[in-house]
Amino acid sequence: MKVYTIVCPPLSSNTYVVANDDGRALVIDAACKMEDLQKIATSKKLKIEAMLMTHGHFDHAALGSKLKDAGIPTYIHKNDADKLTSFKNMAVFMGYHFNKFSADHLLSGGDVLEIAGFKIEVIFTPGHSEGGVCYRIENSLFTGDTIFGMGYGRTDFMDGSFSALKESAKKIFAIPENLTVYPGHGKSSTLDFERANNPINFDD
């Protein structure tokens, strides 16, 4: 498995392209420019088979409408589906335009997906957003805005909850393996390091 990262303006969010050795791939939190995604797909000879969103804020979903128009299926937790078609994606509050679209597949925590040759576990992690999820793929955990390297997502949005986020972090930290953590913003980390050092463990 290979992971390619695209850092996207305006909020430096991470788009991840996750690829198998056979060239089948999926994209997580596609908010980059289409040409940046196409550049990776072309240079690495990848076929992108799906777009998964960790939550519905604009800086993690902005490319969704174009990918859907291109015939690529889109996935989001059912509790965040309405963000893709309303002001709740937060773009309007930050002065940005968002092309609204409806996700093709609505997820629940505990779902297991088979996409691009990968087994993908959906872990429900509300707090930053009421429909936040993390995706486990092999020895990697894509955490969106639940936890970052030495940080965690803000909870002052309309459906945010620090207590819920703290419980979500506990759920993640209960995973026994030392997975590679790919957050929605910032550099990658490891689960062992975040389990021991992430400030959400100590903040109230």
N, C-alpha and C. Protein backbone atom coordinates (compact mmCIF):
# COMPACT_ATOMS: atom_id res chain seq x y z
N MET A 1 0.84 -1.19 0.00
CA MET A 1 0.00 0.00 0.00
C MET A 1 0.87 1.24 0.00
N LYS A 2 0.52 2.20 -0.84
CA LYS A 2 1.23 3.47 -0.88
C LYS A 2 0.26 4.61 -0.63
N VAL A 3 0.72 5.62 0.09
CA VAL A 3 -0.10 6.78 0.41
C VAL A 3 0.58 8.03 -0.14
N TYR A 4 -0.15 8.75 -0.97
CA TYR A 4 0.34 10.01 -1.53
C TYR A 4 -0.47 11.15 -0.92
N THR A 5 0.22 12.20 -0.48
CA THR A 5 -0.43 13.31 0.21
C THR A 5 -0.40 14.56 -0.66
N ILE A 6 -1.57 15.22 -0.75
CA ILE A 6 -1.67 16.52 -1.40
C ILE A 6 -2.14 17.51 -0.33
N VAL A 7 -1.36 18.55 -0.07
CA VAL A 7 -1.76 19.58 0.88
C VAL A 7 -2.56 20.64 0.12
N CYS A 8 -3.77 20.91 0.60
CA CYS A 8 -4.73 21.70 -0.17
C CYS A 8 -5.00 23.06 0.47
N PRO A 9 -5.00 24.12 -0.33
CA PRO A 9 -5.49 25.41 0.15
C PRO A 9 -7.00 25.35 0.28
N PRO A 10 -7.64 26.23 1.05
CA PRO A 10 -7.02 27.37 1.73
C PRO A 10 -6.59 27.08 3.16
N LEU A 11 -6.93 25.89 3.71
CA LEU A 11 -6.68 25.61 5.12
C LEU A 11 -5.65 24.51 5.33
N SER A 12 -4.84 24.25 4.31
CA SER A 12 -3.78 23.24 4.41
C SER A 12 -4.31 21.88 4.88
N SER A 13 -5.45 21.50 4.34
CA SER A 13 -5.98 20.17 4.64
C SER A 13 -5.28 19.14 3.77
N ASN A 14 -5.28 17.90 4.23
CA ASN A 14 -4.60 16.83 3.52
C ASN A 14 -5.59 15.99 2.72
N THR A 15 -5.31 15.84 1.44
CA THR A 15 -5.98 14.86 0.61
C THR A 15 -5.03 13.67 0.47
N TYR A 16 -5.55 12.47 0.70
CA TYR A 16 -4.73 11.27 0.61
C TYR A 16 -5.18 10.39 -0.55
N VAL A 17 -4.24 9.99 -1.36
CA VAL A 17 -4.49 9.00 -2.39
C VAL A 17 -3.86 7.69 -1.92
N VAL A 18 -4.69 6.68 -1.73
CA VAL A 18 -4.25 5.40 -1.19
C VAL A 18 -4.29 4.38 -2.32
N ALA A 19 -3.14 3.79 -2.63
CA ALA A 19 -3.03 2.96 -3.82
C ALA A 19 -2.49 1.57 -3.52
N ASN A 20 -3.01 0.60 -4.25
CA ASN A 20 -2.48 -0.75 -4.25
C ASN A 20 -1.36 -0.87 -5.27
N ASP A 21 -0.61 -1.95 -5.18
CA ASP A 21 0.48 -2.16 -6.13
C ASP A 21 -0.03 -2.38 -7.55
N ASP A 22 -1.30 -2.77 -7.69
CA ASP A 22 -1.85 -3.01 -9.02
C ASP A 22 -2.44 -1.76 -9.66
N GLY A 23 -2.31 -0.62 -9.00
CA GLY A 23 -2.78 0.64 -9.57
C GLY A 23 -4.19 1.03 -9.21
N ARG A 24 -4.89 0.19 -8.48
CA ARG A 24 -6.22 0.57 -8.00
C ARG A 24 -6.05 1.50 -6.79
N ALA A 25 -6.90 2.52 -6.70
CA ALA A 25 -6.70 3.53 -5.66
C ALA A 25 -8.02 4.14 -5.22
N LEU A 26 -7.98 4.80 -4.08
CA LEU A 26 -9.09 5.60 -3.58
C LEU A 26 -8.52 6.89 -3.04
N VAL A 27 -9.39 7.88 -2.88
CA VAL A 27 -8.96 9.17 -2.35
C VAL A 27 -9.76 9.48 -1.10
N ILE A 28 -9.08 9.98 -0.09
CA ILE A 28 -9.70 10.33 1.19
C ILE A 28 -9.62 11.84 1.36
N ASP A 29 -10.77 12.45 1.66
CA ASP A 29 -10.88 13.90 1.90
C ASP A 29 -10.35 14.73 0.73
N ALA A 30 -10.93 14.50 -0.43
CA ALA A 30 -10.49 15.21 -1.64
C ALA A 30 -10.95 16.66 -1.61
N ALA A 31 -10.02 17.55 -1.37
CA ALA A 31 -10.31 18.99 -1.36
C ALA A 31 -9.29 19.76 -2.19
N CYS A 32 -8.46 19.04 -2.92
CA CYS A 32 -7.42 19.66 -3.72
C CYS A 32 -7.97 20.07 -5.08
N LYS A 33 -7.13 20.65 -5.90
CA LYS A 33 -7.51 20.95 -7.27
C LYS A 33 -7.54 19.66 -8.07
N MET A 34 -8.47 19.59 -9.02
CA MET A 34 -8.61 18.39 -9.84
C MET A 34 -7.30 18.07 -10.56
N GLU A 35 -6.62 19.09 -11.03
CA GLU A 35 -5.38 18.85 -11.77
C GLU A 35 -4.28 18.25 -10.90
N ASP A 36 -4.29 18.59 -9.60
CA ASP A 36 -3.31 18.00 -8.69
C ASP A 36 -3.57 16.52 -8.48
N LEU A 37 -4.85 16.17 -8.36
CA LEU A 37 -5.20 14.76 -8.22
C LEU A 37 -4.90 14.00 -9.51
N GLN A 38 -5.23 14.60 -10.63
CA GLN A 38 -4.97 13.96 -11.92
C GLN A 38 -3.48 13.77 -12.17
N LYS A 39 -2.68 14.71 -11.69
CA LYS A 39 -1.22 14.61 -11.87
C LYS A 39 -0.68 13.37 -11.17
N ILE A 40 -1.13 13.12 -9.94
CA ILE A 40 -0.69 11.93 -9.22
C ILE A 40 -1.22 10.67 -9.90
N ALA A 41 -2.50 10.69 -10.26
CA ALA A 41 -3.09 9.51 -10.89
C ALA A 41 -2.38 9.16 -12.19
N THR A 42 -2.02 10.17 -12.96
CA THR A 42 -1.35 9.93 -14.24
C THR A 42 0.09 9.48 -14.04
N SER A 43 0.81 10.16 -13.17
CA SER A 43 2.23 9.85 -13.00
C SER A 43 2.45 8.48 -12.35
N LYS A 44 1.52 8.08 -11.49
CA LYS A 44 1.64 6.79 -10.80
C LYS A 44 0.80 5.69 -11.47
N LYS A 45 0.12 6.06 -12.56
CA LYS A 45 -0.73 5.12 -13.31
C LYS A 45 -1.79 4.49 -12.41
N LEU A 46 -2.57 5.35 -11.77
CA LEU A 46 -3.59 4.91 -10.83
C LEU A 46 -4.99 5.09 -11.40
N LYS A 47 -5.87 4.19 -11.01
CA LYS A 47 -7.29 4.32 -11.31
C LYS A 47 -8.02 4.57 -9.99
N ILE A 48 -8.57 5.76 -9.81
CA ILE A 48 -9.26 6.11 -8.56
C ILE A 48 -10.68 5.57 -8.61
N GLU A 49 -11.03 4.75 -7.62
CA GLU A 49 -12.30 4.04 -7.63
C GLU A 49 -13.33 4.60 -6.65
N ALA A 50 -12.92 5.48 -5.73
CA ALA A 50 -13.88 6.02 -4.76
C ALA A 50 -13.28 7.21 -4.05
N MET A 51 -14.17 8.05 -3.51
CA MET A 51 -13.79 9.15 -2.62
C MET A 51 -14.47 8.93 -1.28
N LEU A 52 -13.66 8.86 -0.23
CA LEU A 52 -14.16 8.72 1.13
C LEU A 52 -13.93 10.03 1.88
N MET A 53 -14.92 10.46 2.63
CA MET A 53 -14.80 11.68 3.43
C MET A 53 -14.81 11.33 4.91
N THR A 54 -13.88 11.91 5.68
CA THR A 54 -13.92 11.73 7.13
C THR A 54 -15.02 12.56 7.77
N HIS A 55 -15.41 13.64 7.11
CA HIS A 55 -16.54 14.46 7.55
C HIS A 55 -16.88 15.43 6.42
N GLY A 56 -17.91 16.24 6.62
CA GLY A 56 -18.45 17.01 5.52
C GLY A 56 -18.07 18.47 5.43
N HIS A 57 -17.06 18.91 6.14
CA HIS A 57 -16.63 20.30 6.02
C HIS A 57 -15.96 20.53 4.67
N PHE A 58 -16.08 21.75 4.17
CA PHE A 58 -15.66 22.05 2.79
C PHE A 58 -14.20 21.75 2.52
N ASP A 59 -13.36 21.92 3.53
CA ASP A 59 -11.93 21.72 3.31
C ASP A 59 -11.54 20.25 3.28
N HIS A 60 -12.53 19.37 3.35
CA HIS A 60 -12.30 17.93 3.22
C HIS A 60 -13.17 17.30 2.13
N ALA A 61 -14.00 18.12 1.50
CA ALA A 61 -14.97 17.57 0.55
C ALA A 61 -15.11 18.38 -0.73
N ALA A 62 -14.29 19.40 -0.91
CA ALA A 62 -14.52 20.38 -1.98
C ALA A 62 -14.47 19.80 -3.38
N LEU A 63 -13.74 18.71 -3.57
CA LEU A 63 -13.62 18.13 -4.91
C LEU A 63 -14.71 17.09 -5.18
N GLY A 64 -15.57 16.86 -4.21
CA GLY A 64 -16.55 15.79 -4.32
C GLY A 64 -17.48 15.90 -5.50
N SER A 65 -17.96 17.11 -5.79
CA SER A 65 -18.92 17.26 -6.89
C SER A 65 -18.27 16.91 -8.22
N LYS A 66 -17.02 17.32 -8.42
CA LYS A 66 -16.33 17.01 -9.68
C LYS A 66 -16.04 15.52 -9.80
N LEU A 67 -15.67 14.89 -8.69
CA LEU A 67 -15.40 13.46 -8.74
C LEU A 67 -16.69 12.68 -9.00
N LYS A 68 -17.77 13.13 -8.36
CA LYS A 68 -19.05 12.46 -8.61
C LYS A 68 -19.46 12.62 -10.07
N ASP A 69 -19.28 13.80 -10.62
CA ASP A 69 -19.60 14.02 -12.03
C ASP A 69 -18.75 13.14 -12.95
N ALA A 70 -17.56 12.79 -12.48
CA ALA A 70 -16.67 11.92 -13.26
C ALA A 70 -16.99 10.45 -13.07
N GLY A 71 -18.03 10.16 -12.29
CA GLY A 71 -18.46 8.78 -12.11
C GLY A 71 -17.79 8.05 -10.96
N ILE A 72 -17.11 8.79 -10.10
CA ILE A 72 -16.44 8.18 -8.95
C ILE A 72 -17.38 8.23 -7.75
N PRO A 73 -17.73 7.09 -7.15
CA PRO A 73 -18.66 7.08 -6.03
C PRO A 73 -18.08 7.75 -4.79
N THR A 74 -18.96 8.41 -4.03
CA THR A 74 -18.56 9.18 -2.85
C THR A 74 -19.21 8.59 -1.60
N TYR A 75 -18.46 8.62 -0.50
CA TYR A 75 -18.88 8.01 0.76
C TYR A 75 -18.73 9.00 1.90
N ILE A 76 -19.73 9.04 2.80
CA ILE A 76 -19.67 9.87 4.00
C ILE A 76 -20.56 9.26 5.06
N HIS A 77 -20.28 9.54 6.33
CA HIS A 77 -21.16 9.06 7.40
C HIS A 77 -22.53 9.72 7.27
N LYS A 78 -23.56 8.96 7.59
CA LYS A 78 -24.94 9.43 7.42
C LYS A 78 -25.22 10.71 8.20
N ASN A 79 -24.55 10.91 9.34
CA ASN A 79 -24.82 12.10 10.14
C ASN A 79 -24.25 13.38 9.54
N ASP A 80 -23.36 13.24 8.58
CA ASP A 80 -22.75 14.42 7.95
C ASP A 80 -23.22 14.62 6.52
N ALA A 81 -24.14 13.80 6.06
CA ALA A 81 -24.57 13.88 4.65
C ALA A 81 -25.15 15.24 4.31
N ASP A 82 -25.88 15.85 5.25
CA ASP A 82 -26.53 17.13 4.94
C ASP A 82 -25.54 18.28 4.81
N LYS A 83 -24.33 18.11 5.30
CA LYS A 83 -23.33 19.17 5.14
C LYS A 83 -22.98 19.40 3.67
N LEU A 84 -23.08 18.36 2.88
CA LEU A 84 -22.69 18.46 1.48
C LEU A 84 -23.69 19.25 0.65
N THR A 85 -24.87 19.48 1.20
CA THR A 85 -25.93 20.18 0.46
C THR A 85 -26.42 21.43 1.18
N SER A 86 -25.68 21.89 2.19
CA SER A 86 -26.16 23.02 2.99
C SER A 86 -25.00 23.87 3.48
N PHE A 87 -25.36 24.94 4.17
CA PHE A 87 -24.36 25.85 4.75
C PHE A 87 -23.51 25.17 5.82
N LYS A 88 -23.92 24.00 6.29
CA LYS A 88 -23.22 23.34 7.38
C LYS A 88 -21.82 22.87 7.01
N ASN A 89 -21.48 22.90 5.73
CA ASN A 89 -20.10 22.54 5.35
C ASN A 89 -19.11 23.64 5.70
N MET A 90 -19.61 24.79 6.16
CA MET A 90 -18.83 25.90 6.71
C MET A 90 -18.17 26.79 5.67
N ALA A 91 -18.30 26.50 4.39
CA ALA A 91 -17.63 27.33 3.38
C ALA A 91 -18.10 28.77 3.41
N VAL A 92 -19.41 28.96 3.51
CA VAL A 92 -19.98 30.31 3.43
C VAL A 92 -19.49 31.18 4.58
N PHE A 93 -19.24 30.58 5.73
CA PHE A 93 -18.80 31.35 6.90
C PHE A 93 -17.35 31.80 6.77
N MET A 94 -16.61 31.15 5.88
CA MET A 94 -15.20 31.48 5.71
C MET A 94 -14.92 32.13 4.37
N GLY A 95 -15.99 32.49 3.66
CA GLY A 95 -15.84 33.23 2.42
C GLY A 95 -15.47 32.42 1.21
N TYR A 96 -15.81 31.12 1.21
CA TYR A 96 -15.46 30.27 0.09
C TYR A 96 -16.71 29.67 -0.56
N HIS A 97 -16.58 29.34 -1.83
CA HIS A 97 -17.68 28.70 -2.56
C HIS A 97 -17.53 27.19 -2.47
N PHE A 98 -18.67 26.50 -2.35
CA PHE A 98 -18.68 25.04 -2.30
C PHE A 98 -19.71 24.52 -3.28
N ASN A 99 -19.29 23.66 -4.19
CA ASN A 99 -20.22 23.03 -5.14
C ASN A 99 -20.94 21.89 -4.44
N LYS A 100 -22.21 22.10 -4.16
CA LYS A 100 -22.97 21.12 -3.39
C LYS A 100 -23.19 19.84 -4.19
N PHE A 101 -23.26 18.74 -3.46
CA PHE A 101 -23.54 17.44 -4.07
C PHE A 101 -24.05 16.50 -3.00
N SER A 102 -24.67 15.42 -3.40
CA SER A 102 -25.14 14.39 -2.48
C SER A 102 -24.23 13.19 -2.58
N ALA A 103 -23.83 12.65 -1.44
CA ALA A 103 -22.97 11.46 -1.44
C ALA A 103 -23.74 10.25 -1.97
N ASP A 104 -23.02 9.36 -2.61
CA ASP A 104 -23.64 8.16 -3.15
C ASP A 104 -23.90 7.10 -2.09
N HIS A 105 -23.04 7.06 -1.07
CA HIS A 105 -23.14 6.01 -0.05
C HIS A 105 -23.04 6.64 1.33
N LEU A 106 -23.99 6.30 2.21
CA LEU A 106 -24.01 6.80 3.58
C LEU A 106 -23.55 5.70 4.52
N LEU A 107 -22.60 6.05 5.37
CA LEU A 107 -21.92 5.07 6.21
C LEU A 107 -22.42 5.11 7.65
N SER A 108 -22.17 4.02 8.35
CA SER A 108 -22.37 3.93 9.79
C SER A 108 -21.09 3.39 10.41
N GLY A 109 -20.89 3.71 11.69
CA GLY A 109 -19.75 3.15 12.39
C GLY A 109 -19.83 1.64 12.41
N GLY A 110 -18.70 1.00 12.21
CA GLY A 110 -18.66 -0.46 12.17
C GLY A 110 -18.76 -1.04 10.78
N ASP A 111 -19.10 -0.22 9.80
CA ASP A 111 -19.14 -0.71 8.42
C ASP A 111 -17.74 -1.15 7.99
N VAL A 112 -17.71 -2.15 7.15
CA VAL A 112 -16.46 -2.59 6.53
C VAL A 112 -16.65 -2.54 5.03
N LEU A 113 -15.82 -1.75 4.36
CA LEU A 113 -15.92 -1.55 2.92
C LEU A 113 -14.84 -2.35 2.20
N GLU A 114 -15.15 -2.76 0.99
CA GLU A 114 -14.16 -3.39 0.11
C GLU A 114 -14.06 -2.52 -1.14
N ILE A 115 -13.00 -1.73 -1.20
CA ILE A 115 -12.82 -0.79 -2.31
C ILE A 115 -11.37 -0.85 -2.78
N ALA A 116 -11.17 -0.91 -4.07
CA ALA A 116 -9.83 -0.87 -4.68
C ALA A 116 -8.91 -1.95 -4.12
N GLY A 117 -9.50 -3.07 -3.72
CA GLY A 117 -8.72 -4.16 -3.18
C GLY A 117 -8.38 -4.02 -1.71
N PHE A 118 -8.88 -2.98 -1.07
CA PHE A 118 -8.62 -2.75 0.35
C PHE A 118 -9.84 -3.12 1.20
N LYS A 119 -9.56 -3.60 2.40
CA LYS A 119 -10.59 -3.71 3.44
C LYS A 119 -10.50 -2.44 4.28
N ILE A 120 -11.61 -1.73 4.38
CA ILE A 120 -11.63 -0.42 5.04
C ILE A 120 -12.61 -0.47 6.20
N GLU A 121 -12.12 -0.24 7.41
CA GLU A 121 -12.97 -0.23 8.60
C GLU A 121 -13.39 1.21 8.90
N VAL A 122 -14.69 1.40 9.09
CA VAL A 122 -15.24 2.72 9.39
C VAL A 122 -15.41 2.83 10.90
N ILE A 123 -14.71 3.78 11.52
CA ILE A 123 -14.76 3.99 12.96
C ILE A 123 -15.46 5.32 13.22
N PHE A 124 -16.59 5.28 13.89
CA PHE A 124 -17.38 6.48 14.16
C PHE A 124 -16.71 7.30 15.25
N THR A 125 -16.33 8.54 14.92
CA THR A 125 -15.59 9.40 15.86
C THR A 125 -16.16 10.82 15.85
N PRO A 126 -17.36 11.01 16.38
CA PRO A 126 -17.93 12.36 16.42
C PRO A 126 -17.20 13.25 17.41
N GLY A 127 -17.45 14.54 17.29
CA GLY A 127 -16.85 15.52 18.19
C GLY A 127 -16.50 16.79 17.45
N HIS A 128 -15.61 16.68 16.49
CA HIS A 128 -15.35 17.82 15.60
C HIS A 128 -16.57 18.06 14.73
N SER A 129 -17.19 16.98 14.33
CA SER A 129 -18.40 17.00 13.52
C SER A 129 -19.25 15.82 13.96
N GLU A 130 -20.57 15.95 13.89
CA GLU A 130 -21.42 14.88 14.41
C GLU A 130 -21.36 13.62 13.57
N GLY A 131 -20.83 13.72 12.36
CA GLY A 131 -20.68 12.55 11.51
C GLY A 131 -19.23 12.22 11.20
N GLY A 132 -18.34 12.59 12.08
CA GLY A 132 -16.92 12.33 11.86
C GLY A 132 -16.60 10.84 11.94
N VAL A 133 -15.71 10.39 11.07
CA VAL A 133 -15.23 9.02 11.12
C VAL A 133 -13.72 8.99 10.89
N CYS A 134 -13.13 7.88 11.30
CA CYS A 134 -11.77 7.54 10.91
C CYS A 134 -11.84 6.28 10.05
N TYR A 135 -10.90 6.13 9.16
CA TYR A 135 -10.83 4.95 8.30
C TYR A 135 -9.54 4.18 8.59
N ARG A 136 -9.70 2.92 8.95
CA ARG A 136 -8.52 2.07 9.10
C ARG A 136 -8.34 1.25 7.83
N ILE A 137 -7.16 1.36 7.24
CA ILE A 137 -6.79 0.57 6.07
C ILE A 137 -5.44 -0.07 6.37
N GLU A 138 -5.44 -1.37 6.52
CA GLU A 138 -4.24 -2.11 6.88
C GLU A 138 -3.64 -1.52 8.15
N ASN A 139 -2.39 -1.08 8.11
CA ASN A 139 -1.75 -0.53 9.31
C ASN A 139 -1.75 0.99 9.33
N SER A 140 -2.74 1.58 8.67
CA SER A 140 -2.86 3.04 8.61
C SER A 140 -4.22 3.47 9.12
N LEU A 141 -4.25 4.63 9.76
CA LEU A 141 -5.49 5.20 10.29
C LEU A 141 -5.61 6.63 9.80
N PHE A 142 -6.66 6.89 9.04
CA PHE A 142 -6.92 8.22 8.49
C PHE A 142 -7.93 8.90 9.40
N THR A 143 -7.48 9.93 10.13
CA THR A 143 -8.24 10.44 11.26
C THR A 143 -8.99 11.73 11.00
N GLY A 144 -8.87 12.31 9.80
CA GLY A 144 -9.58 13.55 9.55
C GLY A 144 -9.25 14.60 10.58
N ASP A 145 -10.28 15.25 11.12
CA ASP A 145 -10.07 16.28 12.14
C ASP A 145 -10.40 15.78 13.54
N THR A 146 -10.32 14.47 13.74
CA THR A 146 -10.50 13.92 15.08
C THR A 146 -9.23 14.14 15.89
N ILE A 147 -8.13 13.57 15.44
CA ILE A 147 -6.83 13.88 16.08
C ILE A 147 -5.81 14.21 15.00
N PHE A 148 -4.89 15.08 15.37
CA PHE A 148 -3.75 15.43 14.54
C PHE A 148 -2.49 14.94 15.24
N GLY A 149 -1.34 15.19 14.63
CA GLY A 149 -0.10 14.99 15.35
C GLY A 149 0.01 16.04 16.45
N MET A 150 -0.04 15.59 17.69
CA MET A 150 0.01 16.48 18.85
C MET A 150 -1.10 17.54 18.83
N GLY A 151 -2.29 17.13 18.45
CA GLY A 151 -3.41 18.06 18.44
C GLY A 151 -4.71 17.34 18.14
N TYR A 152 -5.78 18.12 18.05
CA TYR A 152 -7.09 17.55 17.76
C TYR A 152 -7.97 18.63 17.15
N GLY A 153 -9.07 18.20 16.56
CA GLY A 153 -9.95 19.12 15.86
C GLY A 153 -10.70 20.06 16.78
N ARG A 154 -11.03 21.22 16.26
CA ARG A 154 -11.79 22.19 17.04
C ARG A 154 -13.22 21.69 17.23
N THR A 155 -13.85 22.15 18.30
CA THR A 155 -15.20 21.67 18.62
C THR A 155 -16.18 22.83 18.82
N ASP A 156 -15.84 24.00 18.30
CA ASP A 156 -16.70 25.16 18.49
C ASP A 156 -17.63 25.42 17.30
N PHE A 157 -17.74 24.45 16.38
CA PHE A 157 -18.72 24.57 15.32
C PHE A 157 -20.10 24.16 15.83
N MET A 158 -21.12 24.34 15.00
CA MET A 158 -22.51 24.17 15.46
C MET A 158 -22.82 22.77 15.96
N ASP A 159 -22.15 21.75 15.45
CA ASP A 159 -22.43 20.40 15.92
C ASP A 159 -21.20 19.78 16.58
N GLY A 160 -20.29 20.63 17.05
CA GLY A 160 -19.10 20.13 17.72
C GLY A 160 -19.36 19.84 19.19
N SER A 161 -18.56 18.94 19.75
CA SER A 161 -18.69 18.58 21.16
C SER A 161 -17.34 18.08 21.65
N PHE A 162 -16.74 18.80 22.60
CA PHE A 162 -15.45 18.36 23.12
C PHE A 162 -15.57 17.03 23.85
N SER A 163 -16.64 16.86 24.62
CA SER A 163 -16.80 15.60 25.35
C SER A 163 -16.92 14.42 24.38
N ALA A 164 -17.64 14.63 23.28
CA ALA A 164 -17.75 13.56 22.27
C ALA A 164 -16.40 13.30 21.61
N LEU A 165 -15.66 14.38 21.34
CA LEU A 165 -14.35 14.21 20.71
C LEU A 165 -13.39 13.46 21.63
N LYS A 166 -13.45 13.76 22.90
CA LYS A 166 -12.58 13.08 23.87
C LYS A 166 -12.90 11.59 23.92
N GLU A 167 -14.19 11.25 23.87
CA GLU A 167 -14.58 9.83 23.84
C GLU A 167 -14.12 9.17 22.54
N SER A 168 -14.19 9.91 21.45
CA SER A 168 -13.72 9.38 20.18
C SER A 168 -12.22 9.11 20.21
N ALA A 169 -11.48 10.02 20.83
CA ALA A 169 -10.04 9.82 20.95
C ALA A 169 -9.73 8.58 21.79
N LYS A 170 -10.50 8.38 22.85
CA LYS A 170 -10.31 7.18 23.68
C LYS A 170 -10.54 5.91 22.85
N LYS A 171 -11.55 5.96 21.99
CA LYS A 171 -11.84 4.81 21.13
C LYS A 171 -10.65 4.52 20.20
N ILE A 172 -10.10 5.59 19.64
CA ILE A 172 -8.94 5.41 18.75
C ILE A 172 -7.74 4.88 19.52
N PHE A 173 -7.49 5.45 20.69
CA PHE A 173 -6.31 5.06 21.46
C PHE A 173 -6.44 3.65 22.03
N ALA A 174 -7.64 3.10 22.03
CA ALA A 174 -7.85 1.73 22.50
C ALA A 174 -7.44 0.70 21.46
N ILE A 175 -7.20 1.14 20.23
CA ILE A 175 -6.69 0.22 19.21
C ILE A 175 -5.29 -0.23 19.64
N PRO A 176 -5.05 -1.52 19.78
CA PRO A 176 -3.77 -1.96 20.36
C PRO A 176 -2.55 -1.78 19.47
N GLU A 177 -2.74 -1.83 18.16
CA GLU A 177 -1.59 -1.77 17.26
C GLU A 177 -1.05 -0.34 17.15
N ASN A 178 0.22 -0.27 16.77
CA ASN A 178 0.85 1.04 16.54
C ASN A 178 0.68 1.41 15.08
N LEU A 179 -0.48 1.95 14.74
CA LEU A 179 -0.79 2.31 13.36
C LEU A 179 -0.14 3.64 12.98
N THR A 180 0.08 3.83 11.69
CA THR A 180 0.47 5.14 11.19
C THR A 180 -0.77 6.02 11.13
N VAL A 181 -0.69 7.21 11.69
CA VAL A 181 -1.82 8.14 11.73
C VAL A 181 -1.64 9.18 10.63
N TYR A 182 -2.64 9.26 9.76
CA TYR A 182 -2.67 10.26 8.70
C TYR A 182 -3.80 11.24 9.01
N PRO A 183 -3.48 12.42 9.56
CA PRO A 183 -4.52 13.36 10.00
C PRO A 183 -5.01 14.26 8.87
N GLY A 184 -6.09 14.97 9.16
CA GLY A 184 -6.67 15.88 8.18
C GLY A 184 -5.85 17.12 7.93
N HIS A 185 -4.99 17.47 8.86
CA HIS A 185 -4.08 18.61 8.73
C HIS A 185 -2.76 18.23 9.38
N GLY A 186 -1.67 18.70 8.82
CA GLY A 186 -0.37 18.46 9.43
C GLY A 186 0.26 17.14 9.01
N LYS A 187 1.38 16.85 9.65
CA LYS A 187 2.18 15.69 9.29
C LYS A 187 1.65 14.41 9.93
N SER A 188 2.06 13.29 9.36
CA SER A 188 1.66 11.99 9.90
C SER A 188 2.34 11.74 11.24
N SER A 189 1.79 10.79 11.99
CA SER A 189 2.31 10.45 13.30
C SER A 189 2.13 8.95 13.49
N THR A 190 2.25 8.50 14.72
CA THR A 190 1.97 7.10 15.03
C THR A 190 0.98 7.04 16.18
N LEU A 191 0.24 5.96 16.23
CA LEU A 191 -0.76 5.84 17.28
C LEU A 191 -0.12 5.72 18.65
N ASP A 192 0.99 5.03 18.75
CA ASP A 192 1.67 4.92 20.04
C ASP A 192 2.07 6.30 20.56
N PHE A 193 2.61 7.13 19.68
CA PHE A 193 3.04 8.46 20.11
C PHE A 193 1.85 9.30 20.54
N GLU A 194 0.78 9.29 19.75
CA GLU A 194 -0.39 10.11 20.10
C GLU A 194 -1.08 9.58 21.34
N ARG A 195 -1.09 8.29 21.51
CA ARG A 195 -1.70 7.69 22.69
C ARG A 195 -1.02 8.20 23.96
N ALA A 196 0.28 8.40 23.88
CA ALA A 196 1.04 8.83 25.05
C ALA A 196 1.11 10.34 25.19
N ASN A 197 1.03 11.08 24.09
CA ASN A 197 1.37 12.49 24.13
C ASN A 197 0.30 13.46 23.65
N ASN A 198 -0.74 12.99 22.97
CA ASN A 198 -1.70 13.93 22.40
C ASN A 198 -2.38 14.73 23.51
N PRO A 199 -2.45 16.04 23.38
CA PRO A 199 -3.00 16.87 24.47
C PRO A 199 -4.47 16.63 24.78
N ILE A 200 -5.21 15.95 23.90
CA ILE A 200 -6.61 15.69 24.23
C ILE A 200 -6.72 14.78 25.45
N ASN A 201 -5.65 14.03 25.73
CA ASN A 201 -5.65 13.18 26.92
C ASN A 201 -5.66 13.99 28.21
N PHE A 202 -5.17 15.22 28.13
CA PHE A 202 -4.94 16.01 29.33
C PHE A 202 -5.85 17.23 29.43
N ASP A 203 -6.48 17.61 28.32
CA ASP A 203 -7.36 18.78 28.32
C ASP A 203 -8.76 18.41 28.81
N ASP A 204 -9.43 19.39 29.40
CA ASP A 204 -10.81 19.20 29.87
C ASP A 204 -11.73 20.17 29.16
